[in-house]
Amino acid sequence: MRHLMSPLDLSVEETDKLLNLANDIEKNPEKYAHACAGKKLATCFYEPSTRTRLSFEAAMLNLGGSVLGFSSADSSSAAKGESVSDTIRVISSYADICAMRHPKEGAPLVASEKSTIPVINAGDGGHQHPTQTLTDLLTIHSLKGHLDNLTIGLCGDLKFGRTVHSLIHALIRYPNVKFVLISPEELRVPSYIREDVLAQNNVPFKEVVRLEEALPELDILYMTRVQKERFFNEEDYIRMKDFYILDKTKMELAPEDMLVLHPLPRVNEISTEVDDDPRAVYFKQAQYGVYVRMALILTLLGVEV
């Protein structure tokens, strides 16, 4: 039995196999429509979510399975003080696989140690978000045709953004990938990522403050929102939230084949006028999230089609 806590739980070969499976699911959905008949997915979401929770549910329903679970800690026995360990022990007797989101870093890992069913980390605090990373990899691979030889700009909240941290970990395993880290001083990528992940693996990167400076050299621009829920001080959040706004004028500086990704939800960091630009692929990215989660459920359950 396997769990998924981090994108690095899958080797490069396993990741590529998963992405190929997701591409096949996209092309031949009817082939997989009953693959998980009789199987149940438990969605244990201790933190609000729209895309991640609903895409997991859509994925299992598309595979012919069924879904049970809760969408906030308030609507579970966590409100009565039940531990994650006890919850997963109970859930293990109700479902075949579990997707868990939790505000505390490491909570899904604790659950996996007590679980008798596969557990997928659907986001734990500012730590990891592996299925979003797999979604990002599938989007880039499907639209660019490869995951190597890319210059990737990561823009916005690079300090608390778990999607950014996970994506860096995953992409450094591919050859000739370069990063441009675009953020205000206060939201720079944490030093452990800068030193222990990028520098230690000899991955080229540079840090800039101005988005306009970075745009002309990018193959991928990965925008993120400044996350209000990660700030202790409302004044700091208000000061930071409008630091970067991608609009039509800035897009004129970007290459014609650059792709704009965003894990969503967006607030105002991408102007709606950009939505019609063919380089804006963030809504397509959300659709890819369903295919990759379908592939992951099949893989962890050991279902062959």
Protein backbone atom coordinates (compact mmCIF):
# COMPACT_ATOMS: atom_id res chain seq x y z
CA MET A 1 0.00 0.00 0.00
CA ARG A 2 1.31 3.45 -0.94
CA HIS A 3 0.45 6.97 0.15
CA LEU A 4 1.20 10.31 -1.52
CA MET A 5 2.54 12.95 0.86
CA SER A 6 4.94 14.76 -1.46
CA PRO A 7 5.52 14.87 -5.22
CA LEU A 8 8.89 13.26 -4.48
CA ASP A 9 7.13 10.11 -3.28
CA LEU A 10 6.92 9.29 -7.00
CA SER A 11 10.11 8.75 -8.98
CA VAL A 12 10.56 10.63 -12.28
CA GLU A 13 9.63 7.40 -14.10
CA GLU A 14 6.49 6.92 -11.98
CA THR A 15 5.55 10.57 -12.46
CA ASP A 16 5.92 10.28 -16.24
CA LYS A 17 3.84 7.09 -16.22
CA LEU A 18 1.13 8.85 -14.18
CA LEU A 19 1.09 11.82 -16.59
CA ASN A 20 0.80 9.46 -19.57
CA LEU A 21 -2.11 7.71 -17.87
CA ALA A 22 -3.79 11.10 -17.25
CA ASN A 23 -3.36 11.97 -20.95
CA ASP A 24 -4.98 8.67 -21.92
CA ILE A 25 -7.87 9.36 -19.54
CA GLU A 26 -8.35 12.78 -21.18
CA LYS A 27 -8.47 11.18 -24.65
CA ASN A 28 -10.53 8.08 -23.72
CA PRO A 29 -12.79 8.90 -20.74
CA GLU A 30 -15.29 6.14 -21.56
CA LYS A 31 -12.54 3.52 -21.15
CA TYR A 32 -12.23 4.46 -17.45
CA ALA A 33 -15.89 5.18 -16.66
CA HIS A 34 -16.37 2.07 -14.49
CA ALA A 35 -12.79 1.41 -13.36
CA CYS A 36 -13.57 2.15 -9.68
CA ALA A 37 -17.09 0.77 -9.50
CA GLY A 38 -17.75 -0.24 -5.89
CA LYS A 39 -14.81 1.82 -4.54
CA LYS A 40 -15.24 4.76 -2.15
CA LEU A 41 -13.13 7.90 -1.76
CA ALA A 42 -13.22 9.74 1.59
CA THR A 43 -12.51 13.48 1.35
CA CYS A 44 -11.38 14.70 4.79
CA PHE A 45 -11.02 18.47 4.41
CA TYR A 46 -10.21 20.29 7.64
CA GLU A 47 -9.68 23.50 5.64
CA PRO A 48 -11.92 25.16 2.99
CA SER A 49 -11.37 24.16 -0.62
CA THR A 50 -13.27 24.40 -3.88
CA ARG A 51 -11.09 23.06 -6.69
CA THR A 52 -9.10 20.42 -4.83
CA ARG A 53 -12.07 18.85 -3.03
CA LEU A 54 -14.46 19.00 -5.97
CA SER A 55 -11.85 17.78 -8.46
CA PHE A 56 -11.14 14.77 -6.23
CA GLU A 57 -14.87 14.09 -6.04
CA ALA A 58 -15.30 14.55 -9.81
CA ALA A 59 -12.32 12.25 -10.40
CA MET A 60 -13.80 9.41 -8.33
CA LEU A 61 -17.28 9.86 -9.82
CA ASN A 62 -15.79 9.85 -13.35
CA LEU A 63 -14.20 6.49 -12.48
CA GLY A 64 -17.57 5.07 -11.44
CA GLY A 65 -16.81 5.16 -7.70
CA SER A 66 -18.55 7.03 -4.89
CA VAL A 67 -17.54 9.74 -2.43
CA LEU A 68 -18.10 10.47 1.26
CA GLY A 69 -16.48 12.92 3.65
CA PHE A 70 -16.58 16.39 5.18
CA SER A 71 -15.64 19.84 3.88
CA SER A 72 -14.53 21.59 7.10
CA ALA A 73 -13.25 20.73 10.56
CA ASP A 74 -16.44 22.21 12.04
CA SER A 75 -18.54 19.56 10.32
CA SER A 76 -16.42 16.66 11.61
CA SER A 77 -15.65 15.18 15.01
CA ALA A 78 -12.48 17.32 15.03
CA ALA A 79 -14.81 19.96 16.47
CA LYS A 80 -15.23 17.63 19.47
CA GLY A 81 -11.48 17.15 19.79
CA GLU A 82 -11.01 13.90 17.87
CA SER A 83 -7.43 13.38 16.68
CA VAL A 84 -6.45 12.89 13.05
CA SER A 85 -5.11 9.44 14.00
CA ASP A 86 -8.47 8.33 15.38
CA THR A 87 -10.40 9.84 12.48
CA ILE A 88 -8.36 7.98 9.85
CA ARG A 89 -8.69 4.69 11.73
CA VAL A 90 -12.47 5.06 11.51
CA ILE A 91 -12.44 6.29 7.90
CA SER A 92 -10.29 3.27 6.94
CA SER A 93 -13.22 1.00 7.69
CA TYR A 94 -15.61 3.09 5.55
CA ALA A 95 -13.60 3.91 2.40
CA ASP A 96 -10.95 2.48 0.07
CA ILE A 97 -8.83 5.64 -0.28
CA CYS A 98 -8.68 9.03 1.45
CA ALA A 99 -7.76 12.57 0.34
CA MET A 100 -6.92 14.80 3.33
CA ARG A 101 -6.37 18.55 3.58
CA HIS A 102 -5.29 20.00 6.91
CA PRO A 103 -3.98 23.38 8.09
CA LYS A 104 -1.25 21.72 10.19
CA GLU A 105 1.90 20.65 8.38
CA GLY A 106 2.45 16.90 8.66
CA ALA A 107 -1.14 15.99 9.63
CA PRO A 108 -1.74 13.82 6.52
CA LEU A 109 1.59 12.07 7.22
CA VAL A 110 0.41 11.25 10.76
CA ALA A 111 -2.82 9.92 9.26
CA SER A 112 -0.94 7.75 6.75
CA GLU A 113 0.99 6.09 9.57
CA LYS A 114 -2.26 4.89 11.20
CA SER A 115 -4.27 4.24 8.05
CA THR A 116 -5.06 0.91 6.45
CA ILE A 117 -6.05 2.61 3.16
CA PRO A 118 -3.98 4.88 0.85
CA VAL A 119 -3.90 8.52 2.01
CA ILE A 120 -3.32 11.42 -0.38
CA ASN A 121 -2.08 14.71 1.00
CA ALA A 122 -4.46 17.31 -0.46
CA GLY A 123 -2.52 20.18 1.11
CA ASP A 124 -1.02 20.58 4.60
CA GLY A 125 -0.50 24.15 5.79
CA GLY A 126 2.26 25.94 3.89
CA HIS A 127 4.08 22.66 3.36
CA GLN A 128 3.13 20.44 0.40
CA HIS A 129 0.37 20.16 -2.18
CA PRO A 130 1.43 17.19 -4.31
CA THR A 131 -1.71 16.77 -6.42
CA GLN A 132 -1.58 20.45 -7.41
CA THR A 133 2.03 19.86 -8.44
CA LEU A 134 1.04 16.85 -10.53
CA THR A 135 -1.68 19.02 -12.10
CA ASP A 136 0.92 21.69 -12.89
CA LEU A 137 3.30 19.12 -14.40
CA LEU A 138 0.51 17.65 -16.53
CA THR A 139 -0.51 21.12 -17.76
CA ILE A 140 3.06 22.03 -18.75
CA HIS A 141 3.78 18.62 -20.27
CA SER A 142 0.53 18.55 -22.25
CA LEU A 143 0.82 22.09 -23.62
CA LYS A 144 4.61 22.42 -23.99
CA GLY A 145 5.32 18.77 -24.82
CA HIS A 146 8.16 18.43 -22.28
CA LEU A 147 9.26 19.24 -18.72
CA ASP A 148 12.93 19.89 -19.40
CA ASN A 149 14.70 22.94 -20.91
CA LEU A 150 12.31 25.47 -19.39
CA THR A 151 12.69 28.86 -17.71
CA ILE A 152 9.95 29.14 -15.11
CA GLY A 153 8.93 32.33 -13.36
CA LEU A 154 7.26 31.91 -9.96
CA CYS A 155 5.51 35.10 -8.91
CA GLY A 156 3.82 36.35 -5.75
CA ASP A 157 3.76 34.64 -2.38
CA LEU A 158 6.84 32.42 -2.55
CA LYS A 159 7.21 32.29 1.24
CA PHE A 160 3.93 30.63 2.24
CA GLY A 161 2.89 29.21 -1.15
CA ARG A 162 2.88 25.41 -0.78
CA THR A 163 2.13 25.01 -4.51
CA VAL A 164 5.37 26.85 -5.33
CA HIS A 165 7.45 24.80 -2.89
CA SER A 166 6.10 21.51 -4.24
CA LEU A 167 6.58 22.57 -7.86
CA ILE A 168 10.22 23.54 -7.30
CA HIS A 169 10.92 20.16 -5.67
CA ALA A 170 9.34 18.32 -8.61
CA LEU A 171 10.86 20.31 -11.48
CA ILE A 172 14.49 20.26 -10.34
CA ARG A 173 14.54 16.58 -11.27
CA TYR A 174 14.29 17.48 -14.98
CA PRO A 175 17.34 18.66 -16.94
CA ASN A 176 18.07 22.29 -17.77
CA VAL A 177 15.24 23.87 -15.76
CA LYS A 178 15.86 27.44 -14.58
CA PHE A 179 13.83 29.50 -12.12
CA VAL A 180 13.15 33.21 -11.85
CA LEU A 181 11.76 33.92 -8.37
CA ILE A 182 9.61 37.06 -8.47
CA SER A 183 8.48 38.40 -5.10
CA PRO A 184 8.71 41.32 -2.68
CA GLU A 185 11.45 41.00 -0.08
CA GLU A 186 8.95 39.96 2.62
CA LEU A 187 7.58 37.04 0.58
CA ARG A 188 10.83 35.57 -0.79
CA VAL A 189 11.16 31.82 -1.10
CA PRO A 190 12.31 30.33 2.25
CA SER A 191 16.06 29.97 2.72
CA TYR A 192 15.85 26.18 3.02
CA ILE A 193 14.41 25.98 -0.51
CA ARG A 194 16.89 28.50 -1.84
CA GLU A 195 19.90 26.78 -0.27
CA ASP A 196 19.00 23.13 0.35
CA VAL A 197 16.94 22.56 -2.81
CA LEU A 198 18.06 24.97 -5.54
CA ALA A 199 21.68 25.82 -4.70
CA GLN A 200 22.57 22.34 -3.44
CA ASN A 201 21.29 20.76 -6.66
CA ASN A 202 23.06 23.36 -8.83
CA VAL A 203 19.77 24.58 -10.28
CA PRO A 204 20.15 28.03 -11.86
CA PHE A 205 17.89 30.67 -10.31
CA LYS A 206 17.67 34.37 -9.73
CA GLU A 207 15.49 36.52 -7.51
CA VAL A 208 13.87 39.71 -8.82
CA VAL A 209 11.28 42.10 -7.46
CA ARG A 210 9.82 43.47 -10.71
CA LEU A 211 7.60 41.19 -12.81
CA GLU A 212 8.26 43.32 -15.90
CA GLU A 213 11.97 42.54 -15.66
CA ALA A 214 11.37 38.78 -15.72
CA LEU A 215 8.64 38.38 -18.33
CA PRO A 216 10.66 38.52 -21.59
CA GLU A 217 12.73 35.42 -20.73
CA LEU A 218 10.01 33.08 -19.43
CA ASP A 219 8.55 29.88 -20.90
CA ILE A 220 6.13 29.56 -17.97
CA LEU A 221 4.77 32.21 -15.60
CA TYR A 222 3.28 30.67 -12.46
CA MET A 223 1.23 33.31 -10.65
CA THR A 224 0.10 32.89 -7.04
CA ARG A 225 -2.16 34.88 -4.76
CA VAL A 226 -1.01 36.48 -1.55
CA GLN A 227 -2.74 34.23 0.98
CA LYS A 228 -4.63 36.18 3.62
CA GLU A 229 -4.99 33.06 5.79
CA ARG A 230 -1.20 32.73 6.16
CA PHE A 231 -0.73 36.28 7.52
CA PHE A 232 -0.76 37.11 11.22
CA ASN A 233 -1.06 40.84 10.55
CA GLU A 234 -3.87 42.29 8.40
CA GLU A 235 -1.84 45.42 7.66
CA ASP A 236 0.95 43.33 6.12
CA TYR A 237 -1.58 41.44 3.99
CA ILE A 238 -3.20 44.64 2.69
CA ARG A 239 0.23 46.08 1.87
CA MET A 240 1.27 42.94 -0.07
CA LYS A 241 -1.91 41.79 -1.81
CA ASP A 242 -1.71 44.19 -4.77
CA PHE A 243 2.05 43.98 -5.24
CA TYR A 244 1.69 42.09 -8.53
CA ILE A 245 -1.17 42.40 -10.98
CA LEU A 246 -0.72 40.74 -14.37
CA ASP A 247 -2.59 42.72 -17.03
CA LYS A 248 -2.63 43.11 -20.83
CA THR A 249 0.15 45.69 -20.81
CA LYS A 250 2.52 43.38 -18.93
CA MET A 251 1.56 40.44 -21.17
CA GLU A 252 2.88 42.43 -24.15
CA LEU A 253 6.36 41.98 -22.65
CA ALA A 254 6.05 38.18 -22.59
CA PRO A 255 6.99 35.71 -25.36
CA GLU A 256 4.19 34.59 -27.66
CA ASP A 257 4.46 31.00 -26.48
CA MET A 258 4.73 31.68 -22.73
CA LEU A 259 2.03 29.96 -20.65
CA VAL A 260 0.39 31.57 -17.62
CA LEU A 261 -0.53 29.11 -14.85
CA HIS A 262 -2.24 29.78 -11.51
CA PRO A 263 -3.31 27.20 -8.91
CA LEU A 264 -6.46 29.27 -8.20
CA PRO A 265 -8.36 30.82 -6.54
CA ARG A 266 -7.18 34.15 -7.86
CA VAL A 267 -8.13 37.37 -6.14
CA ASN A 268 -6.86 40.26 -8.25
CA GLU A 269 -3.32 39.21 -9.18
CA ILE A 270 -4.41 38.38 -12.75
CA SER A 271 -6.69 40.93 -14.38
CA THR A 272 -9.77 39.37 -16.00
CA GLU A 273 -8.71 41.01 -19.28
CA VAL A 274 -5.93 38.40 -19.48
CA ASP A 275 -8.44 35.52 -19.47
CA ASP A 276 -8.99 35.76 -23.25
CA ASP A 277 -5.26 35.62 -24.02
CA PRO A 278 -4.48 32.16 -25.50
CA ARG A 279 -1.42 32.02 -23.21
CA ALA A 280 -3.69 32.07 -20.12
CA VAL A 281 -4.23 28.38 -19.34
CA TYR A 282 -5.26 28.44 -15.65
CA PHE A 283 -8.84 27.27 -16.26
CA LYS A 284 -7.57 24.48 -18.51
CA GLN A 285 -5.12 23.69 -15.68
CA ALA A 286 -8.08 23.14 -13.33
CA GLN A 287 -9.52 20.61 -15.80
CA TYR A 288 -6.19 18.79 -15.98
CA GLY A 289 -6.46 18.47 -12.19
CA VAL A 290 -9.37 16.06 -12.60
CA TYR A 291 -7.46 13.83 -15.04
CA VAL A 292 -4.36 13.67 -12.87
CA ARG A 293 -6.38 12.82 -9.75
CA MET A 294 -8.18 10.08 -11.67
CA ALA A 295 -4.80 8.67 -12.67
CA LEU A 296 -3.54 8.90 -9.09
CA ILE A 297 -6.59 7.15 -7.62
CA LEU A 298 -6.20 4.30 -10.14
CA THR A 299 -2.47 4.04 -9.40
CA LEU A 300 -2.76 3.99 -5.60
CA LEU A 301 -5.66 1.53 -5.68
CA GLY A 302 -3.70 -0.68 -8.10
CA VAL A 303 -6.55 -0.67 -10.62
CA GLU A 304 -5.46 -1.72 -14.13
CA VAL A 305 -7.63 -0.73 -17.09
